[in-house]
C-alpha atoms as a PDB file:
ATOM      1  CA  UNK A   1     -15.801  17.242  -5.254  1.00  0.00           C
ATOM      2  CA  UNK A   2     -17.031  14.339  -6.475  1.00  0.00           C
ATOM      3  CA  UNK A   3     -15.478  12.599  -8.909  1.00  0.00           C
ATOM      4  CA  UNK A   4     -17.765  12.749 -12.334  1.00  0.00           C
ATOM      5  CA  UNK A   5     -18.895   9.174 -13.122  1.00  0.00           C
ATOM      6  CA  UNK A   6     -17.673   8.949 -16.510  1.00  0.00           C
ATOM      7  CA  UNK A   7     -16.123   5.970 -18.681  1.00  0.00           C
ATOM      8  CA  UNK A   8     -12.451   5.073 -16.846  1.00  0.00           C
ATOM      9  CA  UNK A   9     -13.309   7.705 -14.135  1.00  0.00           C
ATOM     10  CA  UNK A  10     -13.401   6.415 -10.319  1.00  0.00           C
ATOM     11  CA  UNK A  11     -16.833   6.639  -9.182  1.00  0.00           C
ATOM     12  CA  UNK A  12     -19.373   5.505  -6.387  1.00  0.00           C
ATOM     13  CA  UNK A  13     -20.995   3.392  -9.188  1.00  0.00           C
ATOM     14  CA  UNK A  14     -17.979   1.442 -10.560  1.00  0.00           C
ATOM     15  CA  UNK A  15     -16.469   0.815  -7.021  1.00  0.00           C
ATOM     16  CA  UNK A  16     -19.553  -0.902  -5.454  1.00  0.00           C
ATOM     17  CA  UNK A  17     -20.268  -3.113  -8.676  1.00  0.00           C
ATOM     18  CA  UNK A  18     -20.430  -6.821  -7.960  1.00  0.00           C
ATOM     19  CA  UNK A  19     -19.584  -6.672  -4.262  1.00  0.00           C
ATOM     20  CA  UNK A  20     -21.130  -5.609  -0.976  1.00  0.00           C
ATOM     21  CA  UNK A  21     -19.081  -4.222   1.727  1.00  0.00           C
ATOM     22  CA  UNK A  22     -18.419  -5.386   5.094  1.00  0.00           C
ATOM     23  CA  UNK A  23     -16.414  -3.194   6.626  1.00  0.00           C
ATOM     24  CA  UNK A  24     -14.133  -1.288   4.064  1.00  0.00           C
ATOM     25  CA  UNK A  25     -15.863   0.803   1.670  1.00  0.00           C
ATOM     26  CA  UNK A  26     -18.859   0.921   3.588  1.00  0.00           C
ATOM     27  CA  UNK A  27     -18.529   5.057   3.211  1.00  0.00           C
ATOM     28  CA  UNK A  28     -16.706   6.735   0.360  1.00  0.00           C
ATOM     29  CA  UNK A  29     -15.177   9.766   0.032  1.00  0.00           C
ATOM     30  CA  UNK A  30     -14.135  10.813  -3.737  1.00  0.00           C
ATOM     31  CA  UNK A  31     -12.049  13.814  -4.496  1.00  0.00           C
ATOM     32  CA  UNK A  32     -10.788  15.500  -7.431  1.00  0.00           C
ATOM     33  CA  UNK A  33      -8.069  16.882  -5.683  1.00  0.00           C
ATOM     34  CA  UNK A  34      -6.647  16.733  -1.993  1.00  0.00           C
ATOM     35  CA  UNK A  35      -3.281  17.427  -0.051  1.00  0.00           C
ATOM     36  CA  UNK A  36      -3.243  13.774   1.077  1.00  0.00           C
ATOM     37  CA  UNK A  37      -5.743  10.779   1.376  1.00  0.00           C
ATOM     38  CA  UNK A  38      -3.993   9.679   4.635  1.00  0.00           C
ATOM     39  CA  UNK A  39      -4.603  13.104   6.257  1.00  0.00           C
ATOM     40  CA  UNK A  40      -7.951  12.847   4.919  1.00  0.00           C
ATOM     41  CA  UNK A  41      -8.969   9.564   6.017  1.00  0.00           C
ATOM     42  CA  UNK A  42      -7.456  10.519   9.760  1.00  0.00           C
ATOM     43  CA  UNK A  43      -9.084  13.872   9.979  1.00  0.00           C
ATOM     44  CA  UNK A  44     -12.380  11.848   9.662  1.00  0.00           C
ATOM     45  CA  UNK A  45     -11.475   9.109  12.478  1.00  0.00           C
ATOM     46  CA  UNK A  46     -13.511  11.097  15.506  1.00  0.00           C
ATOM     47  CA  UNK A  47     -16.685  11.012  13.108  1.00  0.00           C
ATOM     48  CA  UNK A  48     -19.877   8.421  13.913  1.00  0.00           C
ATOM     49  CA  UNK A  49     -18.970   5.336  11.787  1.00  0.00           C
ATOM     50  CA  UNK A  50     -15.801   6.141  10.752  1.00  0.00           C
ATOM     51  CA  UNK A  51     -14.665   2.844  11.055  1.00  0.00           C
ATOM     52  CA  UNK A  52     -13.959   1.345   7.096  1.00  0.00           C
ATOM     53  CA  UNK A  53     -14.173   5.058   5.237  1.00  0.00           C
ATOM     54  CA  UNK A  54     -12.136   4.863   2.012  1.00  0.00           C
ATOM     55  CA  UNK A  55     -10.723   8.018   0.468  1.00  0.00           C
ATOM     56  CA  UNK A  56      -9.841   8.376  -3.017  1.00  0.00           C
ATOM     57  CA  UNK A  57      -8.324  11.247  -5.189  1.00  0.00           C
ATOM     58  CA  UNK A  58      -7.459  11.815  -8.686  1.00  0.00           C
ATOM     59  CA  UNK A  59      -4.877  14.096  -7.482  1.00  0.00           C
ATOM     60  CA  UNK A  60      -2.734  14.824  -4.462  1.00  0.00           C
ATOM     61  CA  UNK A  61      -0.622  17.723  -3.922  1.00  0.00           C
ATOM     62  CA  UNK A  62       1.413  16.580  -0.702  1.00  0.00           C
ATOM     63  CA  UNK A  63       1.658  12.618  -1.280  1.00  0.00           C
ATOM     64  CA  UNK A  64       3.559  10.636   0.995  1.00  0.00           C
ATOM     65  CA  UNK A  65       5.952   7.959   1.071  1.00  0.00           C
ATOM     66  CA  UNK A  66       7.790   6.144   3.420  1.00  0.00           C
ATOM     67  CA  UNK A  67      10.977   7.885   5.516  1.00  0.00           C
ATOM     68  CA  UNK A  68       9.783  11.186   4.490  1.00  0.00           C
ATOM     69  CA  UNK A  69       9.689  10.768   0.835  1.00  0.00           C
ATOM     70  CA  UNK A  70       7.052  12.546  -1.659  1.00  0.00           C
ATOM     71  CA  UNK A  71       4.778  10.068  -3.643  1.00  0.00           C
ATOM     72  CA  UNK A  72       4.025  11.917  -6.885  1.00  0.00           C
ATOM     73  CA  UNK A  73       1.360  10.877  -9.325  1.00  0.00           C
ATOM     74  CA  UNK A  74      -0.186  13.124 -12.938  1.00  0.00           C
ATOM     75  CA  UNK A  75      -3.714  13.936 -12.292  1.00  0.00           C
ATOM     76  CA  UNK A  76      -6.115  10.558 -13.121  1.00  0.00           C
ATOM     77  CA  UNK A  77      -3.111   8.496 -13.561  1.00  0.00           C
ATOM     78  CA  UNK A  78      -2.817   6.533 -10.601  1.00  0.00           C
ATOM     79  CA  UNK A  79      -4.956   5.021  -7.895  1.00  0.00           C
ATOM     80  CA  UNK A  80      -4.550   7.495  -4.574  1.00  0.00           C
ATOM     81  CA  UNK A  81      -6.655   5.530  -1.789  1.00  0.00           C
ATOM     82  CA  UNK A  82      -6.513   5.165   1.863  1.00  0.00           C
ATOM     83  CA  UNK A  83      -8.697   3.426   4.018  1.00  0.00           C
ATOM     84  CA  UNK A  84      -9.491   3.952   7.577  1.00  0.00           C
ATOM     85  CA  UNK A  85      -9.980   1.190   9.983  1.00  0.00           C
ATOM     86  CA  UNK A  86     -10.648   2.334  14.511  1.00  0.00           C
ATOM     87  CA  UNK A  87      -9.102  -0.472  16.509  1.00  0.00           C
ATOM     88  CA  UNK A  88     -10.327  -0.821  20.227  1.00  0.00           C
ATOM     89  CA  UNK A  89      -7.893  -0.187  23.215  1.00  0.00           C
ATOM     90  CA  UNK A  90      -7.638  -3.974  23.693  1.00  0.00           C
ATOM     91  CA  UNK A  91      -6.019  -4.456  20.435  1.00  0.00           C
ATOM     92  CA  UNK A  92      -3.254  -1.726  21.502  1.00  0.00           C
ATOM     93  CA  UNK A  93      -1.714  -4.706  23.705  1.00  0.00           C
ATOM     94  CA  UNK A  94      -0.192  -5.391  20.941  1.00  0.00           C
ATOM     95  CA  UNK A  95       3.078  -2.904  20.079  1.00  0.00           C
ATOM     96  CA  UNK A  96       1.996  -0.156  17.846  1.00  0.00           C
ATOM     97  CA  UNK A  97       5.024  -0.756  15.511  1.00  0.00           C
ATOM     98  CA  UNK A  98       3.827  -4.530  15.161  1.00  0.00           C
ATOM     99  CA  UNK A  99       0.231  -3.906  14.545  1.00  0.00           C
ATOM    100  CA  UNK A 100       1.714  -0.958  11.671  1.00  0.00           C
ATOM    101  CA  UNK A 101       3.930  -3.748  10.529  1.00  0.00           C
ATOM    102  CA  UNK A 102       0.762  -6.350  10.177  1.00  0.00           C
ATOM    103  CA  UNK A 103      -1.110  -3.649   8.111  1.00  0.00           C
ATOM    104  CA  UNK A 104       1.704  -3.197   5.561  1.00  0.00           C
ATOM    105  CA  UNK A 105       1.541  -6.820   5.190  1.00  0.00           C
ATOM    106  CA  UNK A 106      -1.741  -7.183   4.707  1.00  0.00           C
ATOM    107  CA  UNK A 107      -1.830  -4.056   2.600  1.00  0.00           C
ATOM    108  CA  UNK A 108       0.814  -5.328   0.160  1.00  0.00           C
ATOM    109  CA  UNK A 109      -0.810  -8.931  -0.378  1.00  0.00           C
ATOM    110  CA  UNK A 110      -4.206  -6.813  -0.967  1.00  0.00           C
ATOM    111  CA  UNK A 111      -2.862  -4.750  -3.870  1.00  0.00           C
ATOM    112  CA  UNK A 112      -0.987  -7.633  -5.439  1.00  0.00           C
ATOM    113  CA  UNK A 113      -4.167  -9.830  -5.228  1.00  0.00           C
ATOM    114  CA  UNK A 114      -6.167  -6.781  -6.825  1.00  0.00           C
ATOM    115  CA  UNK A 115      -3.771  -5.905  -9.539  1.00  0.00           C
ATOM    116  CA  UNK A 116      -3.839  -9.545 -10.698  1.00  0.00           C
ATOM    117  CA  UNK A 117      -7.547  -9.616 -10.543  1.00  0.00           C
ATOM    118  CA  UNK A 118      -7.927  -6.542 -12.509  1.00  0.00           C
ATOM    119  CA  UNK A 119      -5.183  -6.374 -15.059  1.00  0.00           C
ATOM    120  CA  UNK A 120      -2.795  -8.878 -16.509  1.00  0.00           C
ATOM    121  CA  UNK A 121       0.086  -7.711 -14.426  1.00  0.00           C
ATOM    122  CA  UNK A 122       1.556 -10.047 -11.642  1.00  0.00           C
ATOM    123  CA  UNK A 123       3.242  -7.720  -9.303  1.00  0.00           C
ATOM    124  CA  UNK A 124       5.379  -8.942  -6.446  1.00  0.00           C
ATOM    125  CA  UNK A 125       6.179  -7.141  -3.240  1.00  0.00           C
ATOM    126  CA  UNK A 126       9.653  -5.629  -2.694  1.00  0.00           C
ATOM    127  CA  UNK A 127      10.441  -5.922   1.305  1.00  0.00           C
ATOM    128  CA  UNK A 128       9.187  -4.279   3.172  1.00  0.00           C
ATOM    129  CA  UNK A 129       6.154  -2.176   1.078  1.00  0.00           C
ATOM    130  CA  UNK A 130       7.028  -1.661  -2.246  1.00  0.00           C
ATOM    131  CA  UNK A 131       5.101  -3.375  -5.270  1.00  0.00           C
ATOM    132  CA  UNK A 132       7.374  -4.341  -8.444  1.00  0.00           C
ATOM    133  CA  UNK A 133       6.763  -5.971 -11.610  1.00  0.00           C
ATOM    134  CA  UNK A 134       9.302  -6.231 -14.283  1.00  0.00           C
ATOM    135  CA  UNK A 135      12.002  -4.511 -12.148  1.00  0.00           C
ATOM    136  CA  UNK A 136       9.794  -1.456 -12.083  1.00  0.00           C
ATOM    137  CA  UNK A 137       8.191   0.208  -8.815  1.00  0.00           C
ATOM    138  CA  UNK A 138       4.541   0.352  -9.571  1.00  0.00           C
ATOM    139  CA  UNK A 139       3.110   1.154  -6.062  1.00  0.00           C
ATOM    140  CA  UNK A 140       3.724   1.312  -2.387  1.00  0.00           C
ATOM    141  CA  UNK A 141       2.042   1.152   1.317  1.00  0.00           C
ATOM    142  CA  UNK A 142       2.087   3.955   3.981  1.00  0.00           C
ATOM    143  CA  UNK A 143       0.625   3.287   7.172  1.00  0.00           C
ATOM    144  CA  UNK A 144      -0.123   6.193   9.657  1.00  0.00           C
ATOM    145  CA  UNK A 145      -2.052   6.387  12.762  1.00  0.00           C
ATOM    146  CA  UNK A 146      -3.307   8.501  15.980  1.00  0.00           C
ATOM    147  CA  UNK A 147      -4.688   7.934  19.055  1.00  0.00           C
ATOM    148  CA  UNK A 148      -8.817   8.865  19.957  1.00  0.00           C
ATOM    149  CA  UNK A 149     -10.045  10.348  22.890  1.00  0.00           C
ATOM    150  CA  UNK A 150     -11.676   7.310  23.748  1.00  0.00           C
ATOM    151  CA  UNK A 151      -8.540   5.457  23.986  1.00  0.00           C
ATOM    152  CA  UNK A 152      -8.712   3.487  20.465  1.00  0.00           C
ATOM    153  CA  UNK A 153      -6.395   4.429  17.809  1.00  0.00           C
ATOM    154  CA  UNK A 154      -7.062   5.055  14.223  1.00  0.00           C
ATOM    155  CA  UNK A 155      -5.232   3.309  11.303  1.00  0.00           C
ATOM    156  CA  UNK A 156      -5.004   4.851   7.881  1.00  0.00           C
ATOM    157  CA  UNK A 157      -3.685   2.756   5.305  1.00  0.00           C
ATOM    158  CA  UNK A 158      -2.651   4.419   2.502  1.00  0.00           C
ATOM    159  CA  UNK A 159      -1.907   2.836  -1.217  1.00  0.00           C
ATOM    160  CA  UNK A 160      -0.897   4.610  -4.393  1.00  0.00           C
ATOM    161  CA  UNK A 161      -0.813   2.479  -7.784  1.00  0.00           C
ATOM    162  CA  UNK A 162       0.407   3.588 -10.692  1.00  0.00           C
ATOM    163  CA  UNK A 163      -1.949   2.822 -13.730  1.00  0.00           C
ATOM    164  CA  UNK A 164      -1.765   4.784 -16.733  1.00  0.00           C
ATOM    165  CA  UNK A 165       1.511   6.724 -16.619  1.00  0.00           C
ATOM    166  CA  UNK A 166       4.344   6.833 -19.374  1.00  0.00           C
ATOM    167  CA  UNK A 167       8.113   6.964 -18.720  1.00  0.00           C
ATOM    168  CA  UNK A 168       8.013  11.019 -19.220  1.00  0.00           C
ATOM    169  CA  UNK A 169       5.659  11.195 -16.451  1.00  0.00           C
ATOM    170  CA  UNK A 170       8.168  10.421 -13.815  1.00  0.00           C
ATOM    171  CA  UNK A 171      11.086  13.064 -12.752  1.00  0.00           C
ATOM    172  CA  UNK A 172      14.497  11.773 -14.673  1.00  0.00           C
ATOM    173  CA  UNK A 173      15.982  10.349 -11.427  1.00  0.00           C
ATOM    174  CA  UNK A 174      13.020   7.742 -11.100  1.00  0.00           C
ATOM    175  CA  UNK A 175      12.497   6.653 -15.242  1.00  0.00           C
ATOM    176  CA  UNK A 176      14.789   3.829 -14.739  1.00  0.00           C
ATOM    177  CA  UNK A 177      13.359   2.639 -11.509  1.00  0.00           C
ATOM    178  CA  UNK A 178       9.267   3.554 -11.774  1.00  0.00           C
ATOM    179  CA  UNK A 179       6.841   2.290 -14.189  1.00  0.00           C
ATOM    180  CA  UNK A 180       3.199   1.561 -14.715  1.00  0.00           C
ATOM    181  CA  UNK A 181       0.022  -1.066 -15.308  1.00  0.00           C
ATOM    182  CA  UNK A 182       0.141   0.654 -18.589  1.00  0.00           C
ATOM    183  CA  UNK A 183       3.698   0.475 -19.351  1.00  0.00           C
ATOM    184  CA  UNK A 184       4.039  -3.304 -18.249  1.00  0.00           C
ATOM    185  CA  UNK A 185       0.812  -4.984 -19.209  1.00  0.00           C
ATOM    186  CA  UNK A 186      -0.864  -5.971 -22.807  1.00  0.00           C
ATOM    187  CA  UNK A 187      -4.171  -4.737 -22.308  1.00  0.00           C
ATOM    188  CA  UNK A 188      -5.700  -1.508 -21.441  1.00  0.00           C
ATOM    189  CA  UNK A 189      -5.856  -0.439 -17.979  1.00  0.00           C
ATOM    190  CA  UNK A 190      -9.113   0.066 -16.135  1.00  0.00           C
ATOM    191  CA  UNK A 191      -8.170   2.485 -13.075  1.00  0.00           C
ATOM    192  CA  UNK A 192     -11.661   2.329 -11.481  1.00  0.00           C
ATOM    193  CA  UNK A 193     -11.432  -1.780 -11.884  1.00  0.00           C
ATOM    194  CA  UNK A 194      -8.186  -1.401 -10.489  1.00  0.00           C
ATOM    195  CA  UNK A 195      -9.722   0.649  -7.589  1.00  0.00           C
ATOM    196  CA  UNK A 196     -12.749  -1.537  -6.990  1.00  0.00           C
ATOM    197  CA  UNK A 197     -10.578  -4.875  -6.437  1.00  0.00           C
ATOM    198  CA  UNK A 198      -8.221  -2.825  -3.989  1.00  0.00           C
ATOM    199  CA  UNK A 199     -11.179  -1.849  -1.656  1.00  0.00           C
ATOM    200  CA  UNK A 200     -12.882  -5.738  -2.251  1.00  0.00           C
ATOM    201  CA  UNK A 201      -9.966  -7.227  -1.416  1.00  0.00           C
ATOM    202  CA  UNK A 202      -8.840  -4.909   1.505  1.00  0.00           C
ATOM    203  CA  UNK A 203     -12.197  -5.870   2.686  1.00  0.00           C
ATOM    204  CA  UNK A 204     -11.431  -9.555   2.454  1.00  0.00           C
ATOM    205  CA  UNK A 205      -8.890  -9.035   4.866  1.00  0.00           C
ATOM    206  CA  UNK A 206      -9.720  -6.290   7.096  1.00  0.00           C
ATOM    207  CA  UNK A 207     -13.626  -7.288   8.190  1.00  0.00           C
ATOM    208  CA  UNK A 208     -12.680 -10.502   9.629  1.00  0.00           C
ATOM    209  CA  UNK A 209      -9.990 -12.002  11.703  1.00  0.00           C
ATOM    210  CA  UNK A 210      -7.857 -12.843   9.122  1.00  0.00           C
ATOM    211  CA  UNK A 211      -5.336 -10.270   9.259  1.00  0.00           C
ATOM    212  CA  UNK A 212      -4.770 -10.938  13.049  1.00  0.00           C
ATOM    213  CA  UNK A 213      -3.660 -14.321  12.114  1.00  0.00           C
ATOM    214  CA  UNK A 214       0.364 -14.589  12.007  1.00  0.00           C
ATOM    215  CA  UNK A 215       0.440 -17.711   9.829  1.00  0.00           C
ATOM    216  CA  UNK A 216      -1.990 -16.517   7.302  1.00  0.00           C
ATOM    217  CA  UNK A 217      -0.839 -13.180   6.833  1.00  0.00           C
ATOM    218  CA  UNK A 218       2.857 -14.663   6.720  1.00  0.00           C
ATOM    219  CA  UNK A 219       2.126 -17.625   4.222  1.00  0.00           C
ATOM    220  CA  UNK A 220       0.001 -14.780   1.886  1.00  0.00           C
ATOM    221  CA  UNK A 221       2.894 -12.257   2.283  1.00  0.00           C
ATOM    222  CA  UNK A 222       5.531 -14.689   1.367  1.00  0.00           C
ATOM    223  CA  UNK A 223       3.476 -16.048  -1.779  1.00  0.00           C
ATOM    224  CA  UNK A 224       3.563 -12.464  -3.033  1.00  0.00           C
ATOM    225  CA  UNK A 225       7.018 -11.378  -2.206  1.00  0.00           C
ATOM    226  CA  UNK A 226      10.107 -10.959  -4.358  1.00  0.00           C
ATOM    227  CA  UNK A 227      12.568 -14.310  -3.653  1.00  0.00           C
ATOM    228  CA  UNK A 228      15.392 -14.569  -1.334  1.00  0.00           C
ATOM    229  CA  UNK A 229      18.901 -14.561  -2.799  1.00  0.00           C
ATOM    230  CA  UNK A 230      18.485 -11.540  -4.554  1.00  0.00           C
ATOM    231  CA  UNK A 231      21.457  -8.938  -4.425  1.00  0.00           C
ATOM    232  CA  UNK A 232      20.347  -6.238  -1.917  1.00  0.00           C
ATOM    233  CA  UNK A 233      21.747  -2.416  -1.317  1.00  0.00           C
ATOM    234  CA  UNK A 234      20.082  -1.194   1.929  1.00  0.00           C
ATOM    235  CA  UNK A 235      19.956   1.725   3.793  1.00  0.00           C
ATOM    236  CA  UNK A 236      19.209   1.482   8.119  1.00  0.00           C
ATOM    237  CA  UNK A 237      19.412   4.312  10.195  1.00  0.00           C
ATOM    238  CA  UNK A 238      22.474   6.217   8.045  1.00  0.00           C
ATOM    239  CA  UNK A 239      24.330   3.590   7.214  1.00  0.00           C
ATOM    240  CA  UNK A 240      24.398   1.276   3.797  1.00  0.00           C
ATOM    241  CA  UNK A 241      24.959  -2.224   3.616  1.00  0.00           C
ATOM    242  CA  UNK A 242      25.422  -4.432   0.647  1.00  0.00           C
ATOM    243  CA  UNK A 243      25.236  -8.043   0.361  1.00  0.00           C
ATOM    244  CA  UNK A 244      22.491 -11.098  -0.588  1.00  0.00           C
ATOM    245  CA  UNK A 245      18.846 -11.517   1.086  1.00  0.00           C
ATOM    246  CA  UNK A 246      19.214 -15.018   3.124  1.00  0.00           C
ATOM    247  CA  UNK A 247      15.881 -14.984   4.720  1.00  0.00           C
ATOM    248  CA  UNK A 248      12.751 -12.571   5.125  1.00  0.00           C
ATOM    249  CA  UNK A 249      10.705 -12.822   8.133  1.00  0.00           C
ATOM    250  CA  UNK A 250       7.795 -10.236   7.350  1.00  0.00           C
ATOM    251  CA  UNK A 251       6.868  -9.762  10.702  1.00  0.00           C
ATOM    252  CA  UNK A 252      10.709  -9.945  12.121  1.00  0.00           C
ATOM    253  CA  UNK A 253      12.685  -8.216   9.224  1.00  0.00           C
ATOM    254  CA  UNK A 254      15.367  -9.208   6.387  1.00  0.00           C
ATOM    255  CA  UNK A 255      18.717 -11.437   7.435  1.00  0.00           C
ATOM    256  CA  UNK A 256      21.328  -9.765   4.816  1.00  0.00           C
ATOM    257  CA  UNK A 257      24.636 -11.748   4.283  1.00  0.00           C
ATOM    258  CA  UNK A 258      27.126  -8.785   3.937  1.00  0.00           C
ATOM    259  CA  UNK A 259      29.949  -8.011   1.134  1.00  0.00           C
ATOM    260  CA  UNK A 260      31.802  -7.700   4.754  1.00  0.00           C
ATOM    261  CA  UNK A 261      31.378 -11.275   5.943  1.00  0.00           C
ATOM    262  CA  UNK A 262      29.133 -10.185   8.665  1.00  0.00           C
ATOM    263  CA  UNK A 263      25.000 -11.201   8.721  1.00  0.00           C
ATOM    264  CA  UNK A 264      23.082  -8.168   9.122  1.00  0.00           C
ATOM    265  CA  UNK A 265      19.302  -7.878  10.578  1.00  0.00           C
ATOM    266  CA  UNK A 266      17.326  -4.801   9.212  1.00  0.00           C
ATOM    267  CA  UNK A 267      14.499  -3.660  10.664  1.00  0.00           C
ATOM    268  CA  UNK A 268      11.360  -3.304   8.319  1.00  0.00           C
ATOM    269  CA  UNK A 269      10.230   0.069   9.930  1.00  0.00           C
ATOM    270  CA  UNK A 270      13.742   1.760   9.728  1.00  0.00           C
ATOM    271  CA  UNK A 271      14.939   0.353   6.194  1.00  0.00           C
ATOM    272  CA  UNK A 272      14.564   1.065   2.795  1.00  0.00           C
ATOM    273  CA  UNK A 273      16.355  -0.911  -0.380  1.00  0.00           C
ATOM    274  CA  UNK A 274      17.846   1.118  -2.669  1.00  0.00           C
END
């Protein structure tokens, strides 16, 4: 079902205003409700011209986050978006985990750029994939993929951004750690503008070769990352480590000076910060 084009709604007209997609957003799939936009994007991967498809929904019944968590958002309160890219077999010389990590970095940068462009909120990236401002989580990125019969691979880049929620919209266990652009900003939030800026920034990164340049991606990510030196509680593969973040290499992981006197290297694909 197509989302109605009314004030504040996310419509094709609003998403295309003022720019011309090169890769991301050339095709749009707007839904009032779905199980998961990532699932929808990957399901469309076998269709002709699937590369660059953007799926957006007003509500998800089975939204997912990292490490098997659920992503909850009231109907019409956030930007729930997945973009699909198809990468040829030649690109797969790079390990899948490394390519997934690279896309996570690029998506995080694009989200920060989009939110800063569309609102008066200046978020930062909490390693490895959370969007935060004012000490509250505003969003996150989830990368999923599947192999295609021709040897290429489809990648769904899922983004969730809390826009209009108030504290009571979050479950009790999240009310002290989750927030929204509406809660943190001084001005009204236009979800459609946030979504439009997101697609435009994703397109700017993924339409050319910028996302394949390690130095450019690293510099951009670090410019939006929360600074080192913070107190960190991390869980990695069933163990919990506490200490101070010493160095963050967005490609290589987090170096933590533990309270136990040892330095710990934390894998971004297996670690969550508490």
